[in-house]
Amino acid sequence: MNVVASVPVIDLTAQDLVSSALSKFRAGDTVSTRAALDAIRRMNPACVDSDDDLVELIVMAAIGKTMAVVFDHRSR
C-alpha cells in the first residue's frame, strides 16, 4: 500500500509577498522598489502581478509602516 502524505499548497497573495519582502525593514528605513520587486520575484517567480501593481502595494505598505520609498525599479 502506497501512502502519499498530503502537502498543503500555500498560495501567497501579492499582499503577502509584499508584506514578507518589507518585513526585513523597520520604520524610518528606505525601501528600494527594485530590491523589493526582486525579492518578491525570487519568493514567487510565478507571480502574475505586474511590476506597477506590486509597486503600488509596496508603496501603500511602506507608507503605512512609516518607511520611505525610492522609485528605482525603472532604472534598469
C-alpha atoms as a PDB file:
ATOM      1  CA  MET A   1       0.000   0.000   0.000  1.00  0.00           C
ATOM      2  CA  ASN A   2       1.409   3.350  -1.027  1.00  0.00           C
ATOM      3  CA  VAL A   3       0.606   6.268   1.197  1.00  0.00           C
ATOM      4  CA  VAL A   4       1.284   9.780  -0.008  1.00  0.00           C
ATOM      5  CA  ALA A   5       1.380  12.492   2.596  1.00  0.00           C
ATOM      6  CA  SER A   6      -0.886  15.384   1.847  1.00  0.00           C
ATOM      7  CA  VAL A   7       1.119  18.571   1.489  1.00  0.00           C
ATOM      8  CA  PRO A   8      -0.856  21.777   1.658  1.00  0.00           C
ATOM      9  CA  VAL A   9      -0.249  24.195  -1.196  1.00  0.00           C
ATOM     10  CA  ILE A  10       0.401  27.694   0.045  1.00  0.00           C
ATOM     11  CA  ASP A  11      -0.776  30.284  -2.442  1.00  0.00           C
ATOM     12  CA  LEU A  12       0.650  33.600  -1.339  1.00  0.00           C
ATOM     13  CA  THR A  13      -1.207  36.682  -2.458  1.00  0.00           C
ATOM     14  CA  ALA A  14       0.619  39.720  -3.782  1.00  0.00           C
ATOM     15  CA  GLN A  15      -0.041  41.436  -0.456  1.00  0.00           C
ATOM     16  CA  ASP A  16       1.519  38.506   1.395  1.00  0.00           C
ATOM     17  CA  LEU A  17       4.600  38.692  -0.836  1.00  0.00           C
ATOM     18  CA  VAL A  18       4.950  42.448  -0.311  1.00  0.00           C
ATOM     19  CA  SER A  19       4.495  42.073   3.424  1.00  0.00           C
ATOM     20  CA  SER A  20       7.179  39.402   3.524  1.00  0.00           C
ATOM     21  CA  ALA A  21       9.587  41.497   1.441  1.00  0.00           C
ATOM     22  CA  LEU A  22       9.067  44.531   3.688  1.00  0.00           C
ATOM     23  CA  SER A  23       9.340  42.534   6.915  1.00  0.00           C
ATOM     24  CA  LYS A  24      13.119  42.999   6.782  1.00  0.00           C
ATOM     25  CA  PHE A  25      12.756  46.776   7.089  1.00  0.00           C
ATOM     26  CA  ARG A  26      11.907  48.956  10.084  1.00  0.00           C
ATOM     27  CA  ALA A  27      10.086  52.246  10.495  1.00  0.00           C
ATOM     28  CA  GLY A  28      12.216  55.050   9.104  1.00  0.00           C
ATOM     29  CA  ASP A  29      14.099  52.787   6.673  1.00  0.00           C
ATOM     30  CA  THR A  30      14.192  53.489   2.943  1.00  0.00           C
ATOM     31  CA  VAL A  31      12.789  50.790   0.672  1.00  0.00           C
ATOM     32  CA  SER A  32      14.083  50.379  -2.873  1.00  0.00           C
ATOM     33  CA  THR A  33      11.315  49.379  -5.281  1.00  0.00           C
ATOM     34  CA  ARG A  34      13.873  47.452  -7.342  1.00  0.00           C
ATOM     35  CA  ALA A  35      15.087  45.447  -4.353  1.00  0.00           C
ATOM     36  CA  ALA A  36      11.531  44.779  -3.163  1.00  0.00           C
ATOM     37  CA  LEU A  37      10.429  43.629  -6.631  1.00  0.00           C
ATOM     38  CA  ASP A  38      13.485  41.385  -6.943  1.00  0.00           C
ATOM     39  CA  ALA A  39      12.726  39.829  -3.548  1.00  0.00           C
ATOM     40  CA  ILE A  40       9.086  39.266  -4.486  1.00  0.00           C
ATOM     41  CA  ARG A  41      10.012  37.669  -7.831  1.00  0.00           C
ATOM     42  CA  ARG A  42      12.527  35.382  -6.064  1.00  0.00           C
ATOM     43  CA  MET A  43       9.915  34.327  -3.493  1.00  0.00           C
ATOM     44  CA  ASN A  44       7.333  33.580  -6.156  1.00  0.00           C
ATOM     45  CA  PRO A  45       8.568  33.533  -9.761  1.00  0.00           C
ATOM     46  CA  ALA A  46       5.043  32.610 -10.882  1.00  0.00           C
ATOM     47  CA  CYS A  47       3.542  35.842  -9.526  1.00  0.00           C
ATOM     48  CA  VAL A  48       1.382  37.236 -12.331  1.00  0.00           C
ATOM     49  CA  ASP A  49       1.021  40.743 -10.902  1.00  0.00           C
ATOM     50  CA  SER A  50       2.719  43.480 -12.918  1.00  0.00           C
ATOM     51  CA  ASP A  51       5.604  45.473 -11.502  1.00  0.00           C
ATOM     52  CA  ASP A  52       3.365  48.548 -11.398  1.00  0.00           C
ATOM     53  CA  ASP A  53       0.715  46.701  -9.370  1.00  0.00           C
ATOM     54  CA  LEU A  54       3.344  45.404  -6.973  1.00  0.00           C
ATOM     55  CA  VAL A  55       4.954  48.839  -6.617  1.00  0.00           C
ATOM     56  CA  GLU A  56       1.560  50.251  -5.677  1.00  0.00           C
ATOM     57  CA  LEU A  57       1.257  47.634  -2.928  1.00  0.00           C
ATOM     58  CA  ILE A  58       4.838  48.260  -1.815  1.00  0.00           C
ATOM     59  CA  VAL A  59       4.205  51.996  -1.508  1.00  0.00           C
ATOM     60  CA  MET A  60       0.956  51.549   0.418  1.00  0.00           C
ATOM     61  CA  ALA A  61       2.545  49.064   2.816  1.00  0.00           C
ATOM     62  CA  ALA A  62       5.749  51.066   3.277  1.00  0.00           C
ATOM     63  CA  ILE A  63       3.946  54.327   3.947  1.00  0.00           C
ATOM     64  CA  GLY A  64       1.717  52.556   6.447  1.00  0.00           C
ATOM     65  CA  LYS A  65       4.859  51.491   8.295  1.00  0.00           C
ATOM     66  CA  THR A  66       6.437  54.981   8.040  1.00  0.00           C
ATOM     67  CA  MET A  67       9.106  53.886   5.572  1.00  0.00           C
ATOM     68  CA  ALA A  68      10.482  55.970   2.730  1.00  0.00           C
ATOM     69  CA  VAL A  69      10.342  54.631  -0.830  1.00  0.00           C
ATOM     70  CA  VAL A  70      12.940  55.054  -3.583  1.00  0.00           C
ATOM     71  CA  PHE A  71      11.430  54.523  -7.028  1.00  0.00           C
ATOM     72  CA  ASP A  72      14.417  52.936  -8.746  1.00  0.00           C
ATOM     73  CA  HIS A  73      12.771  49.944 -10.420  1.00  0.00           C
ATOM     74  CA  ARG A  74      12.638  51.547 -13.881  1.00  0.00           C
ATOM     75  CA  SER A  75      16.310  52.500 -13.972  1.00  0.00           C
ATOM     76  CA  ARG A  76      17.432  49.012 -15.024  1.00  0.00           C
END
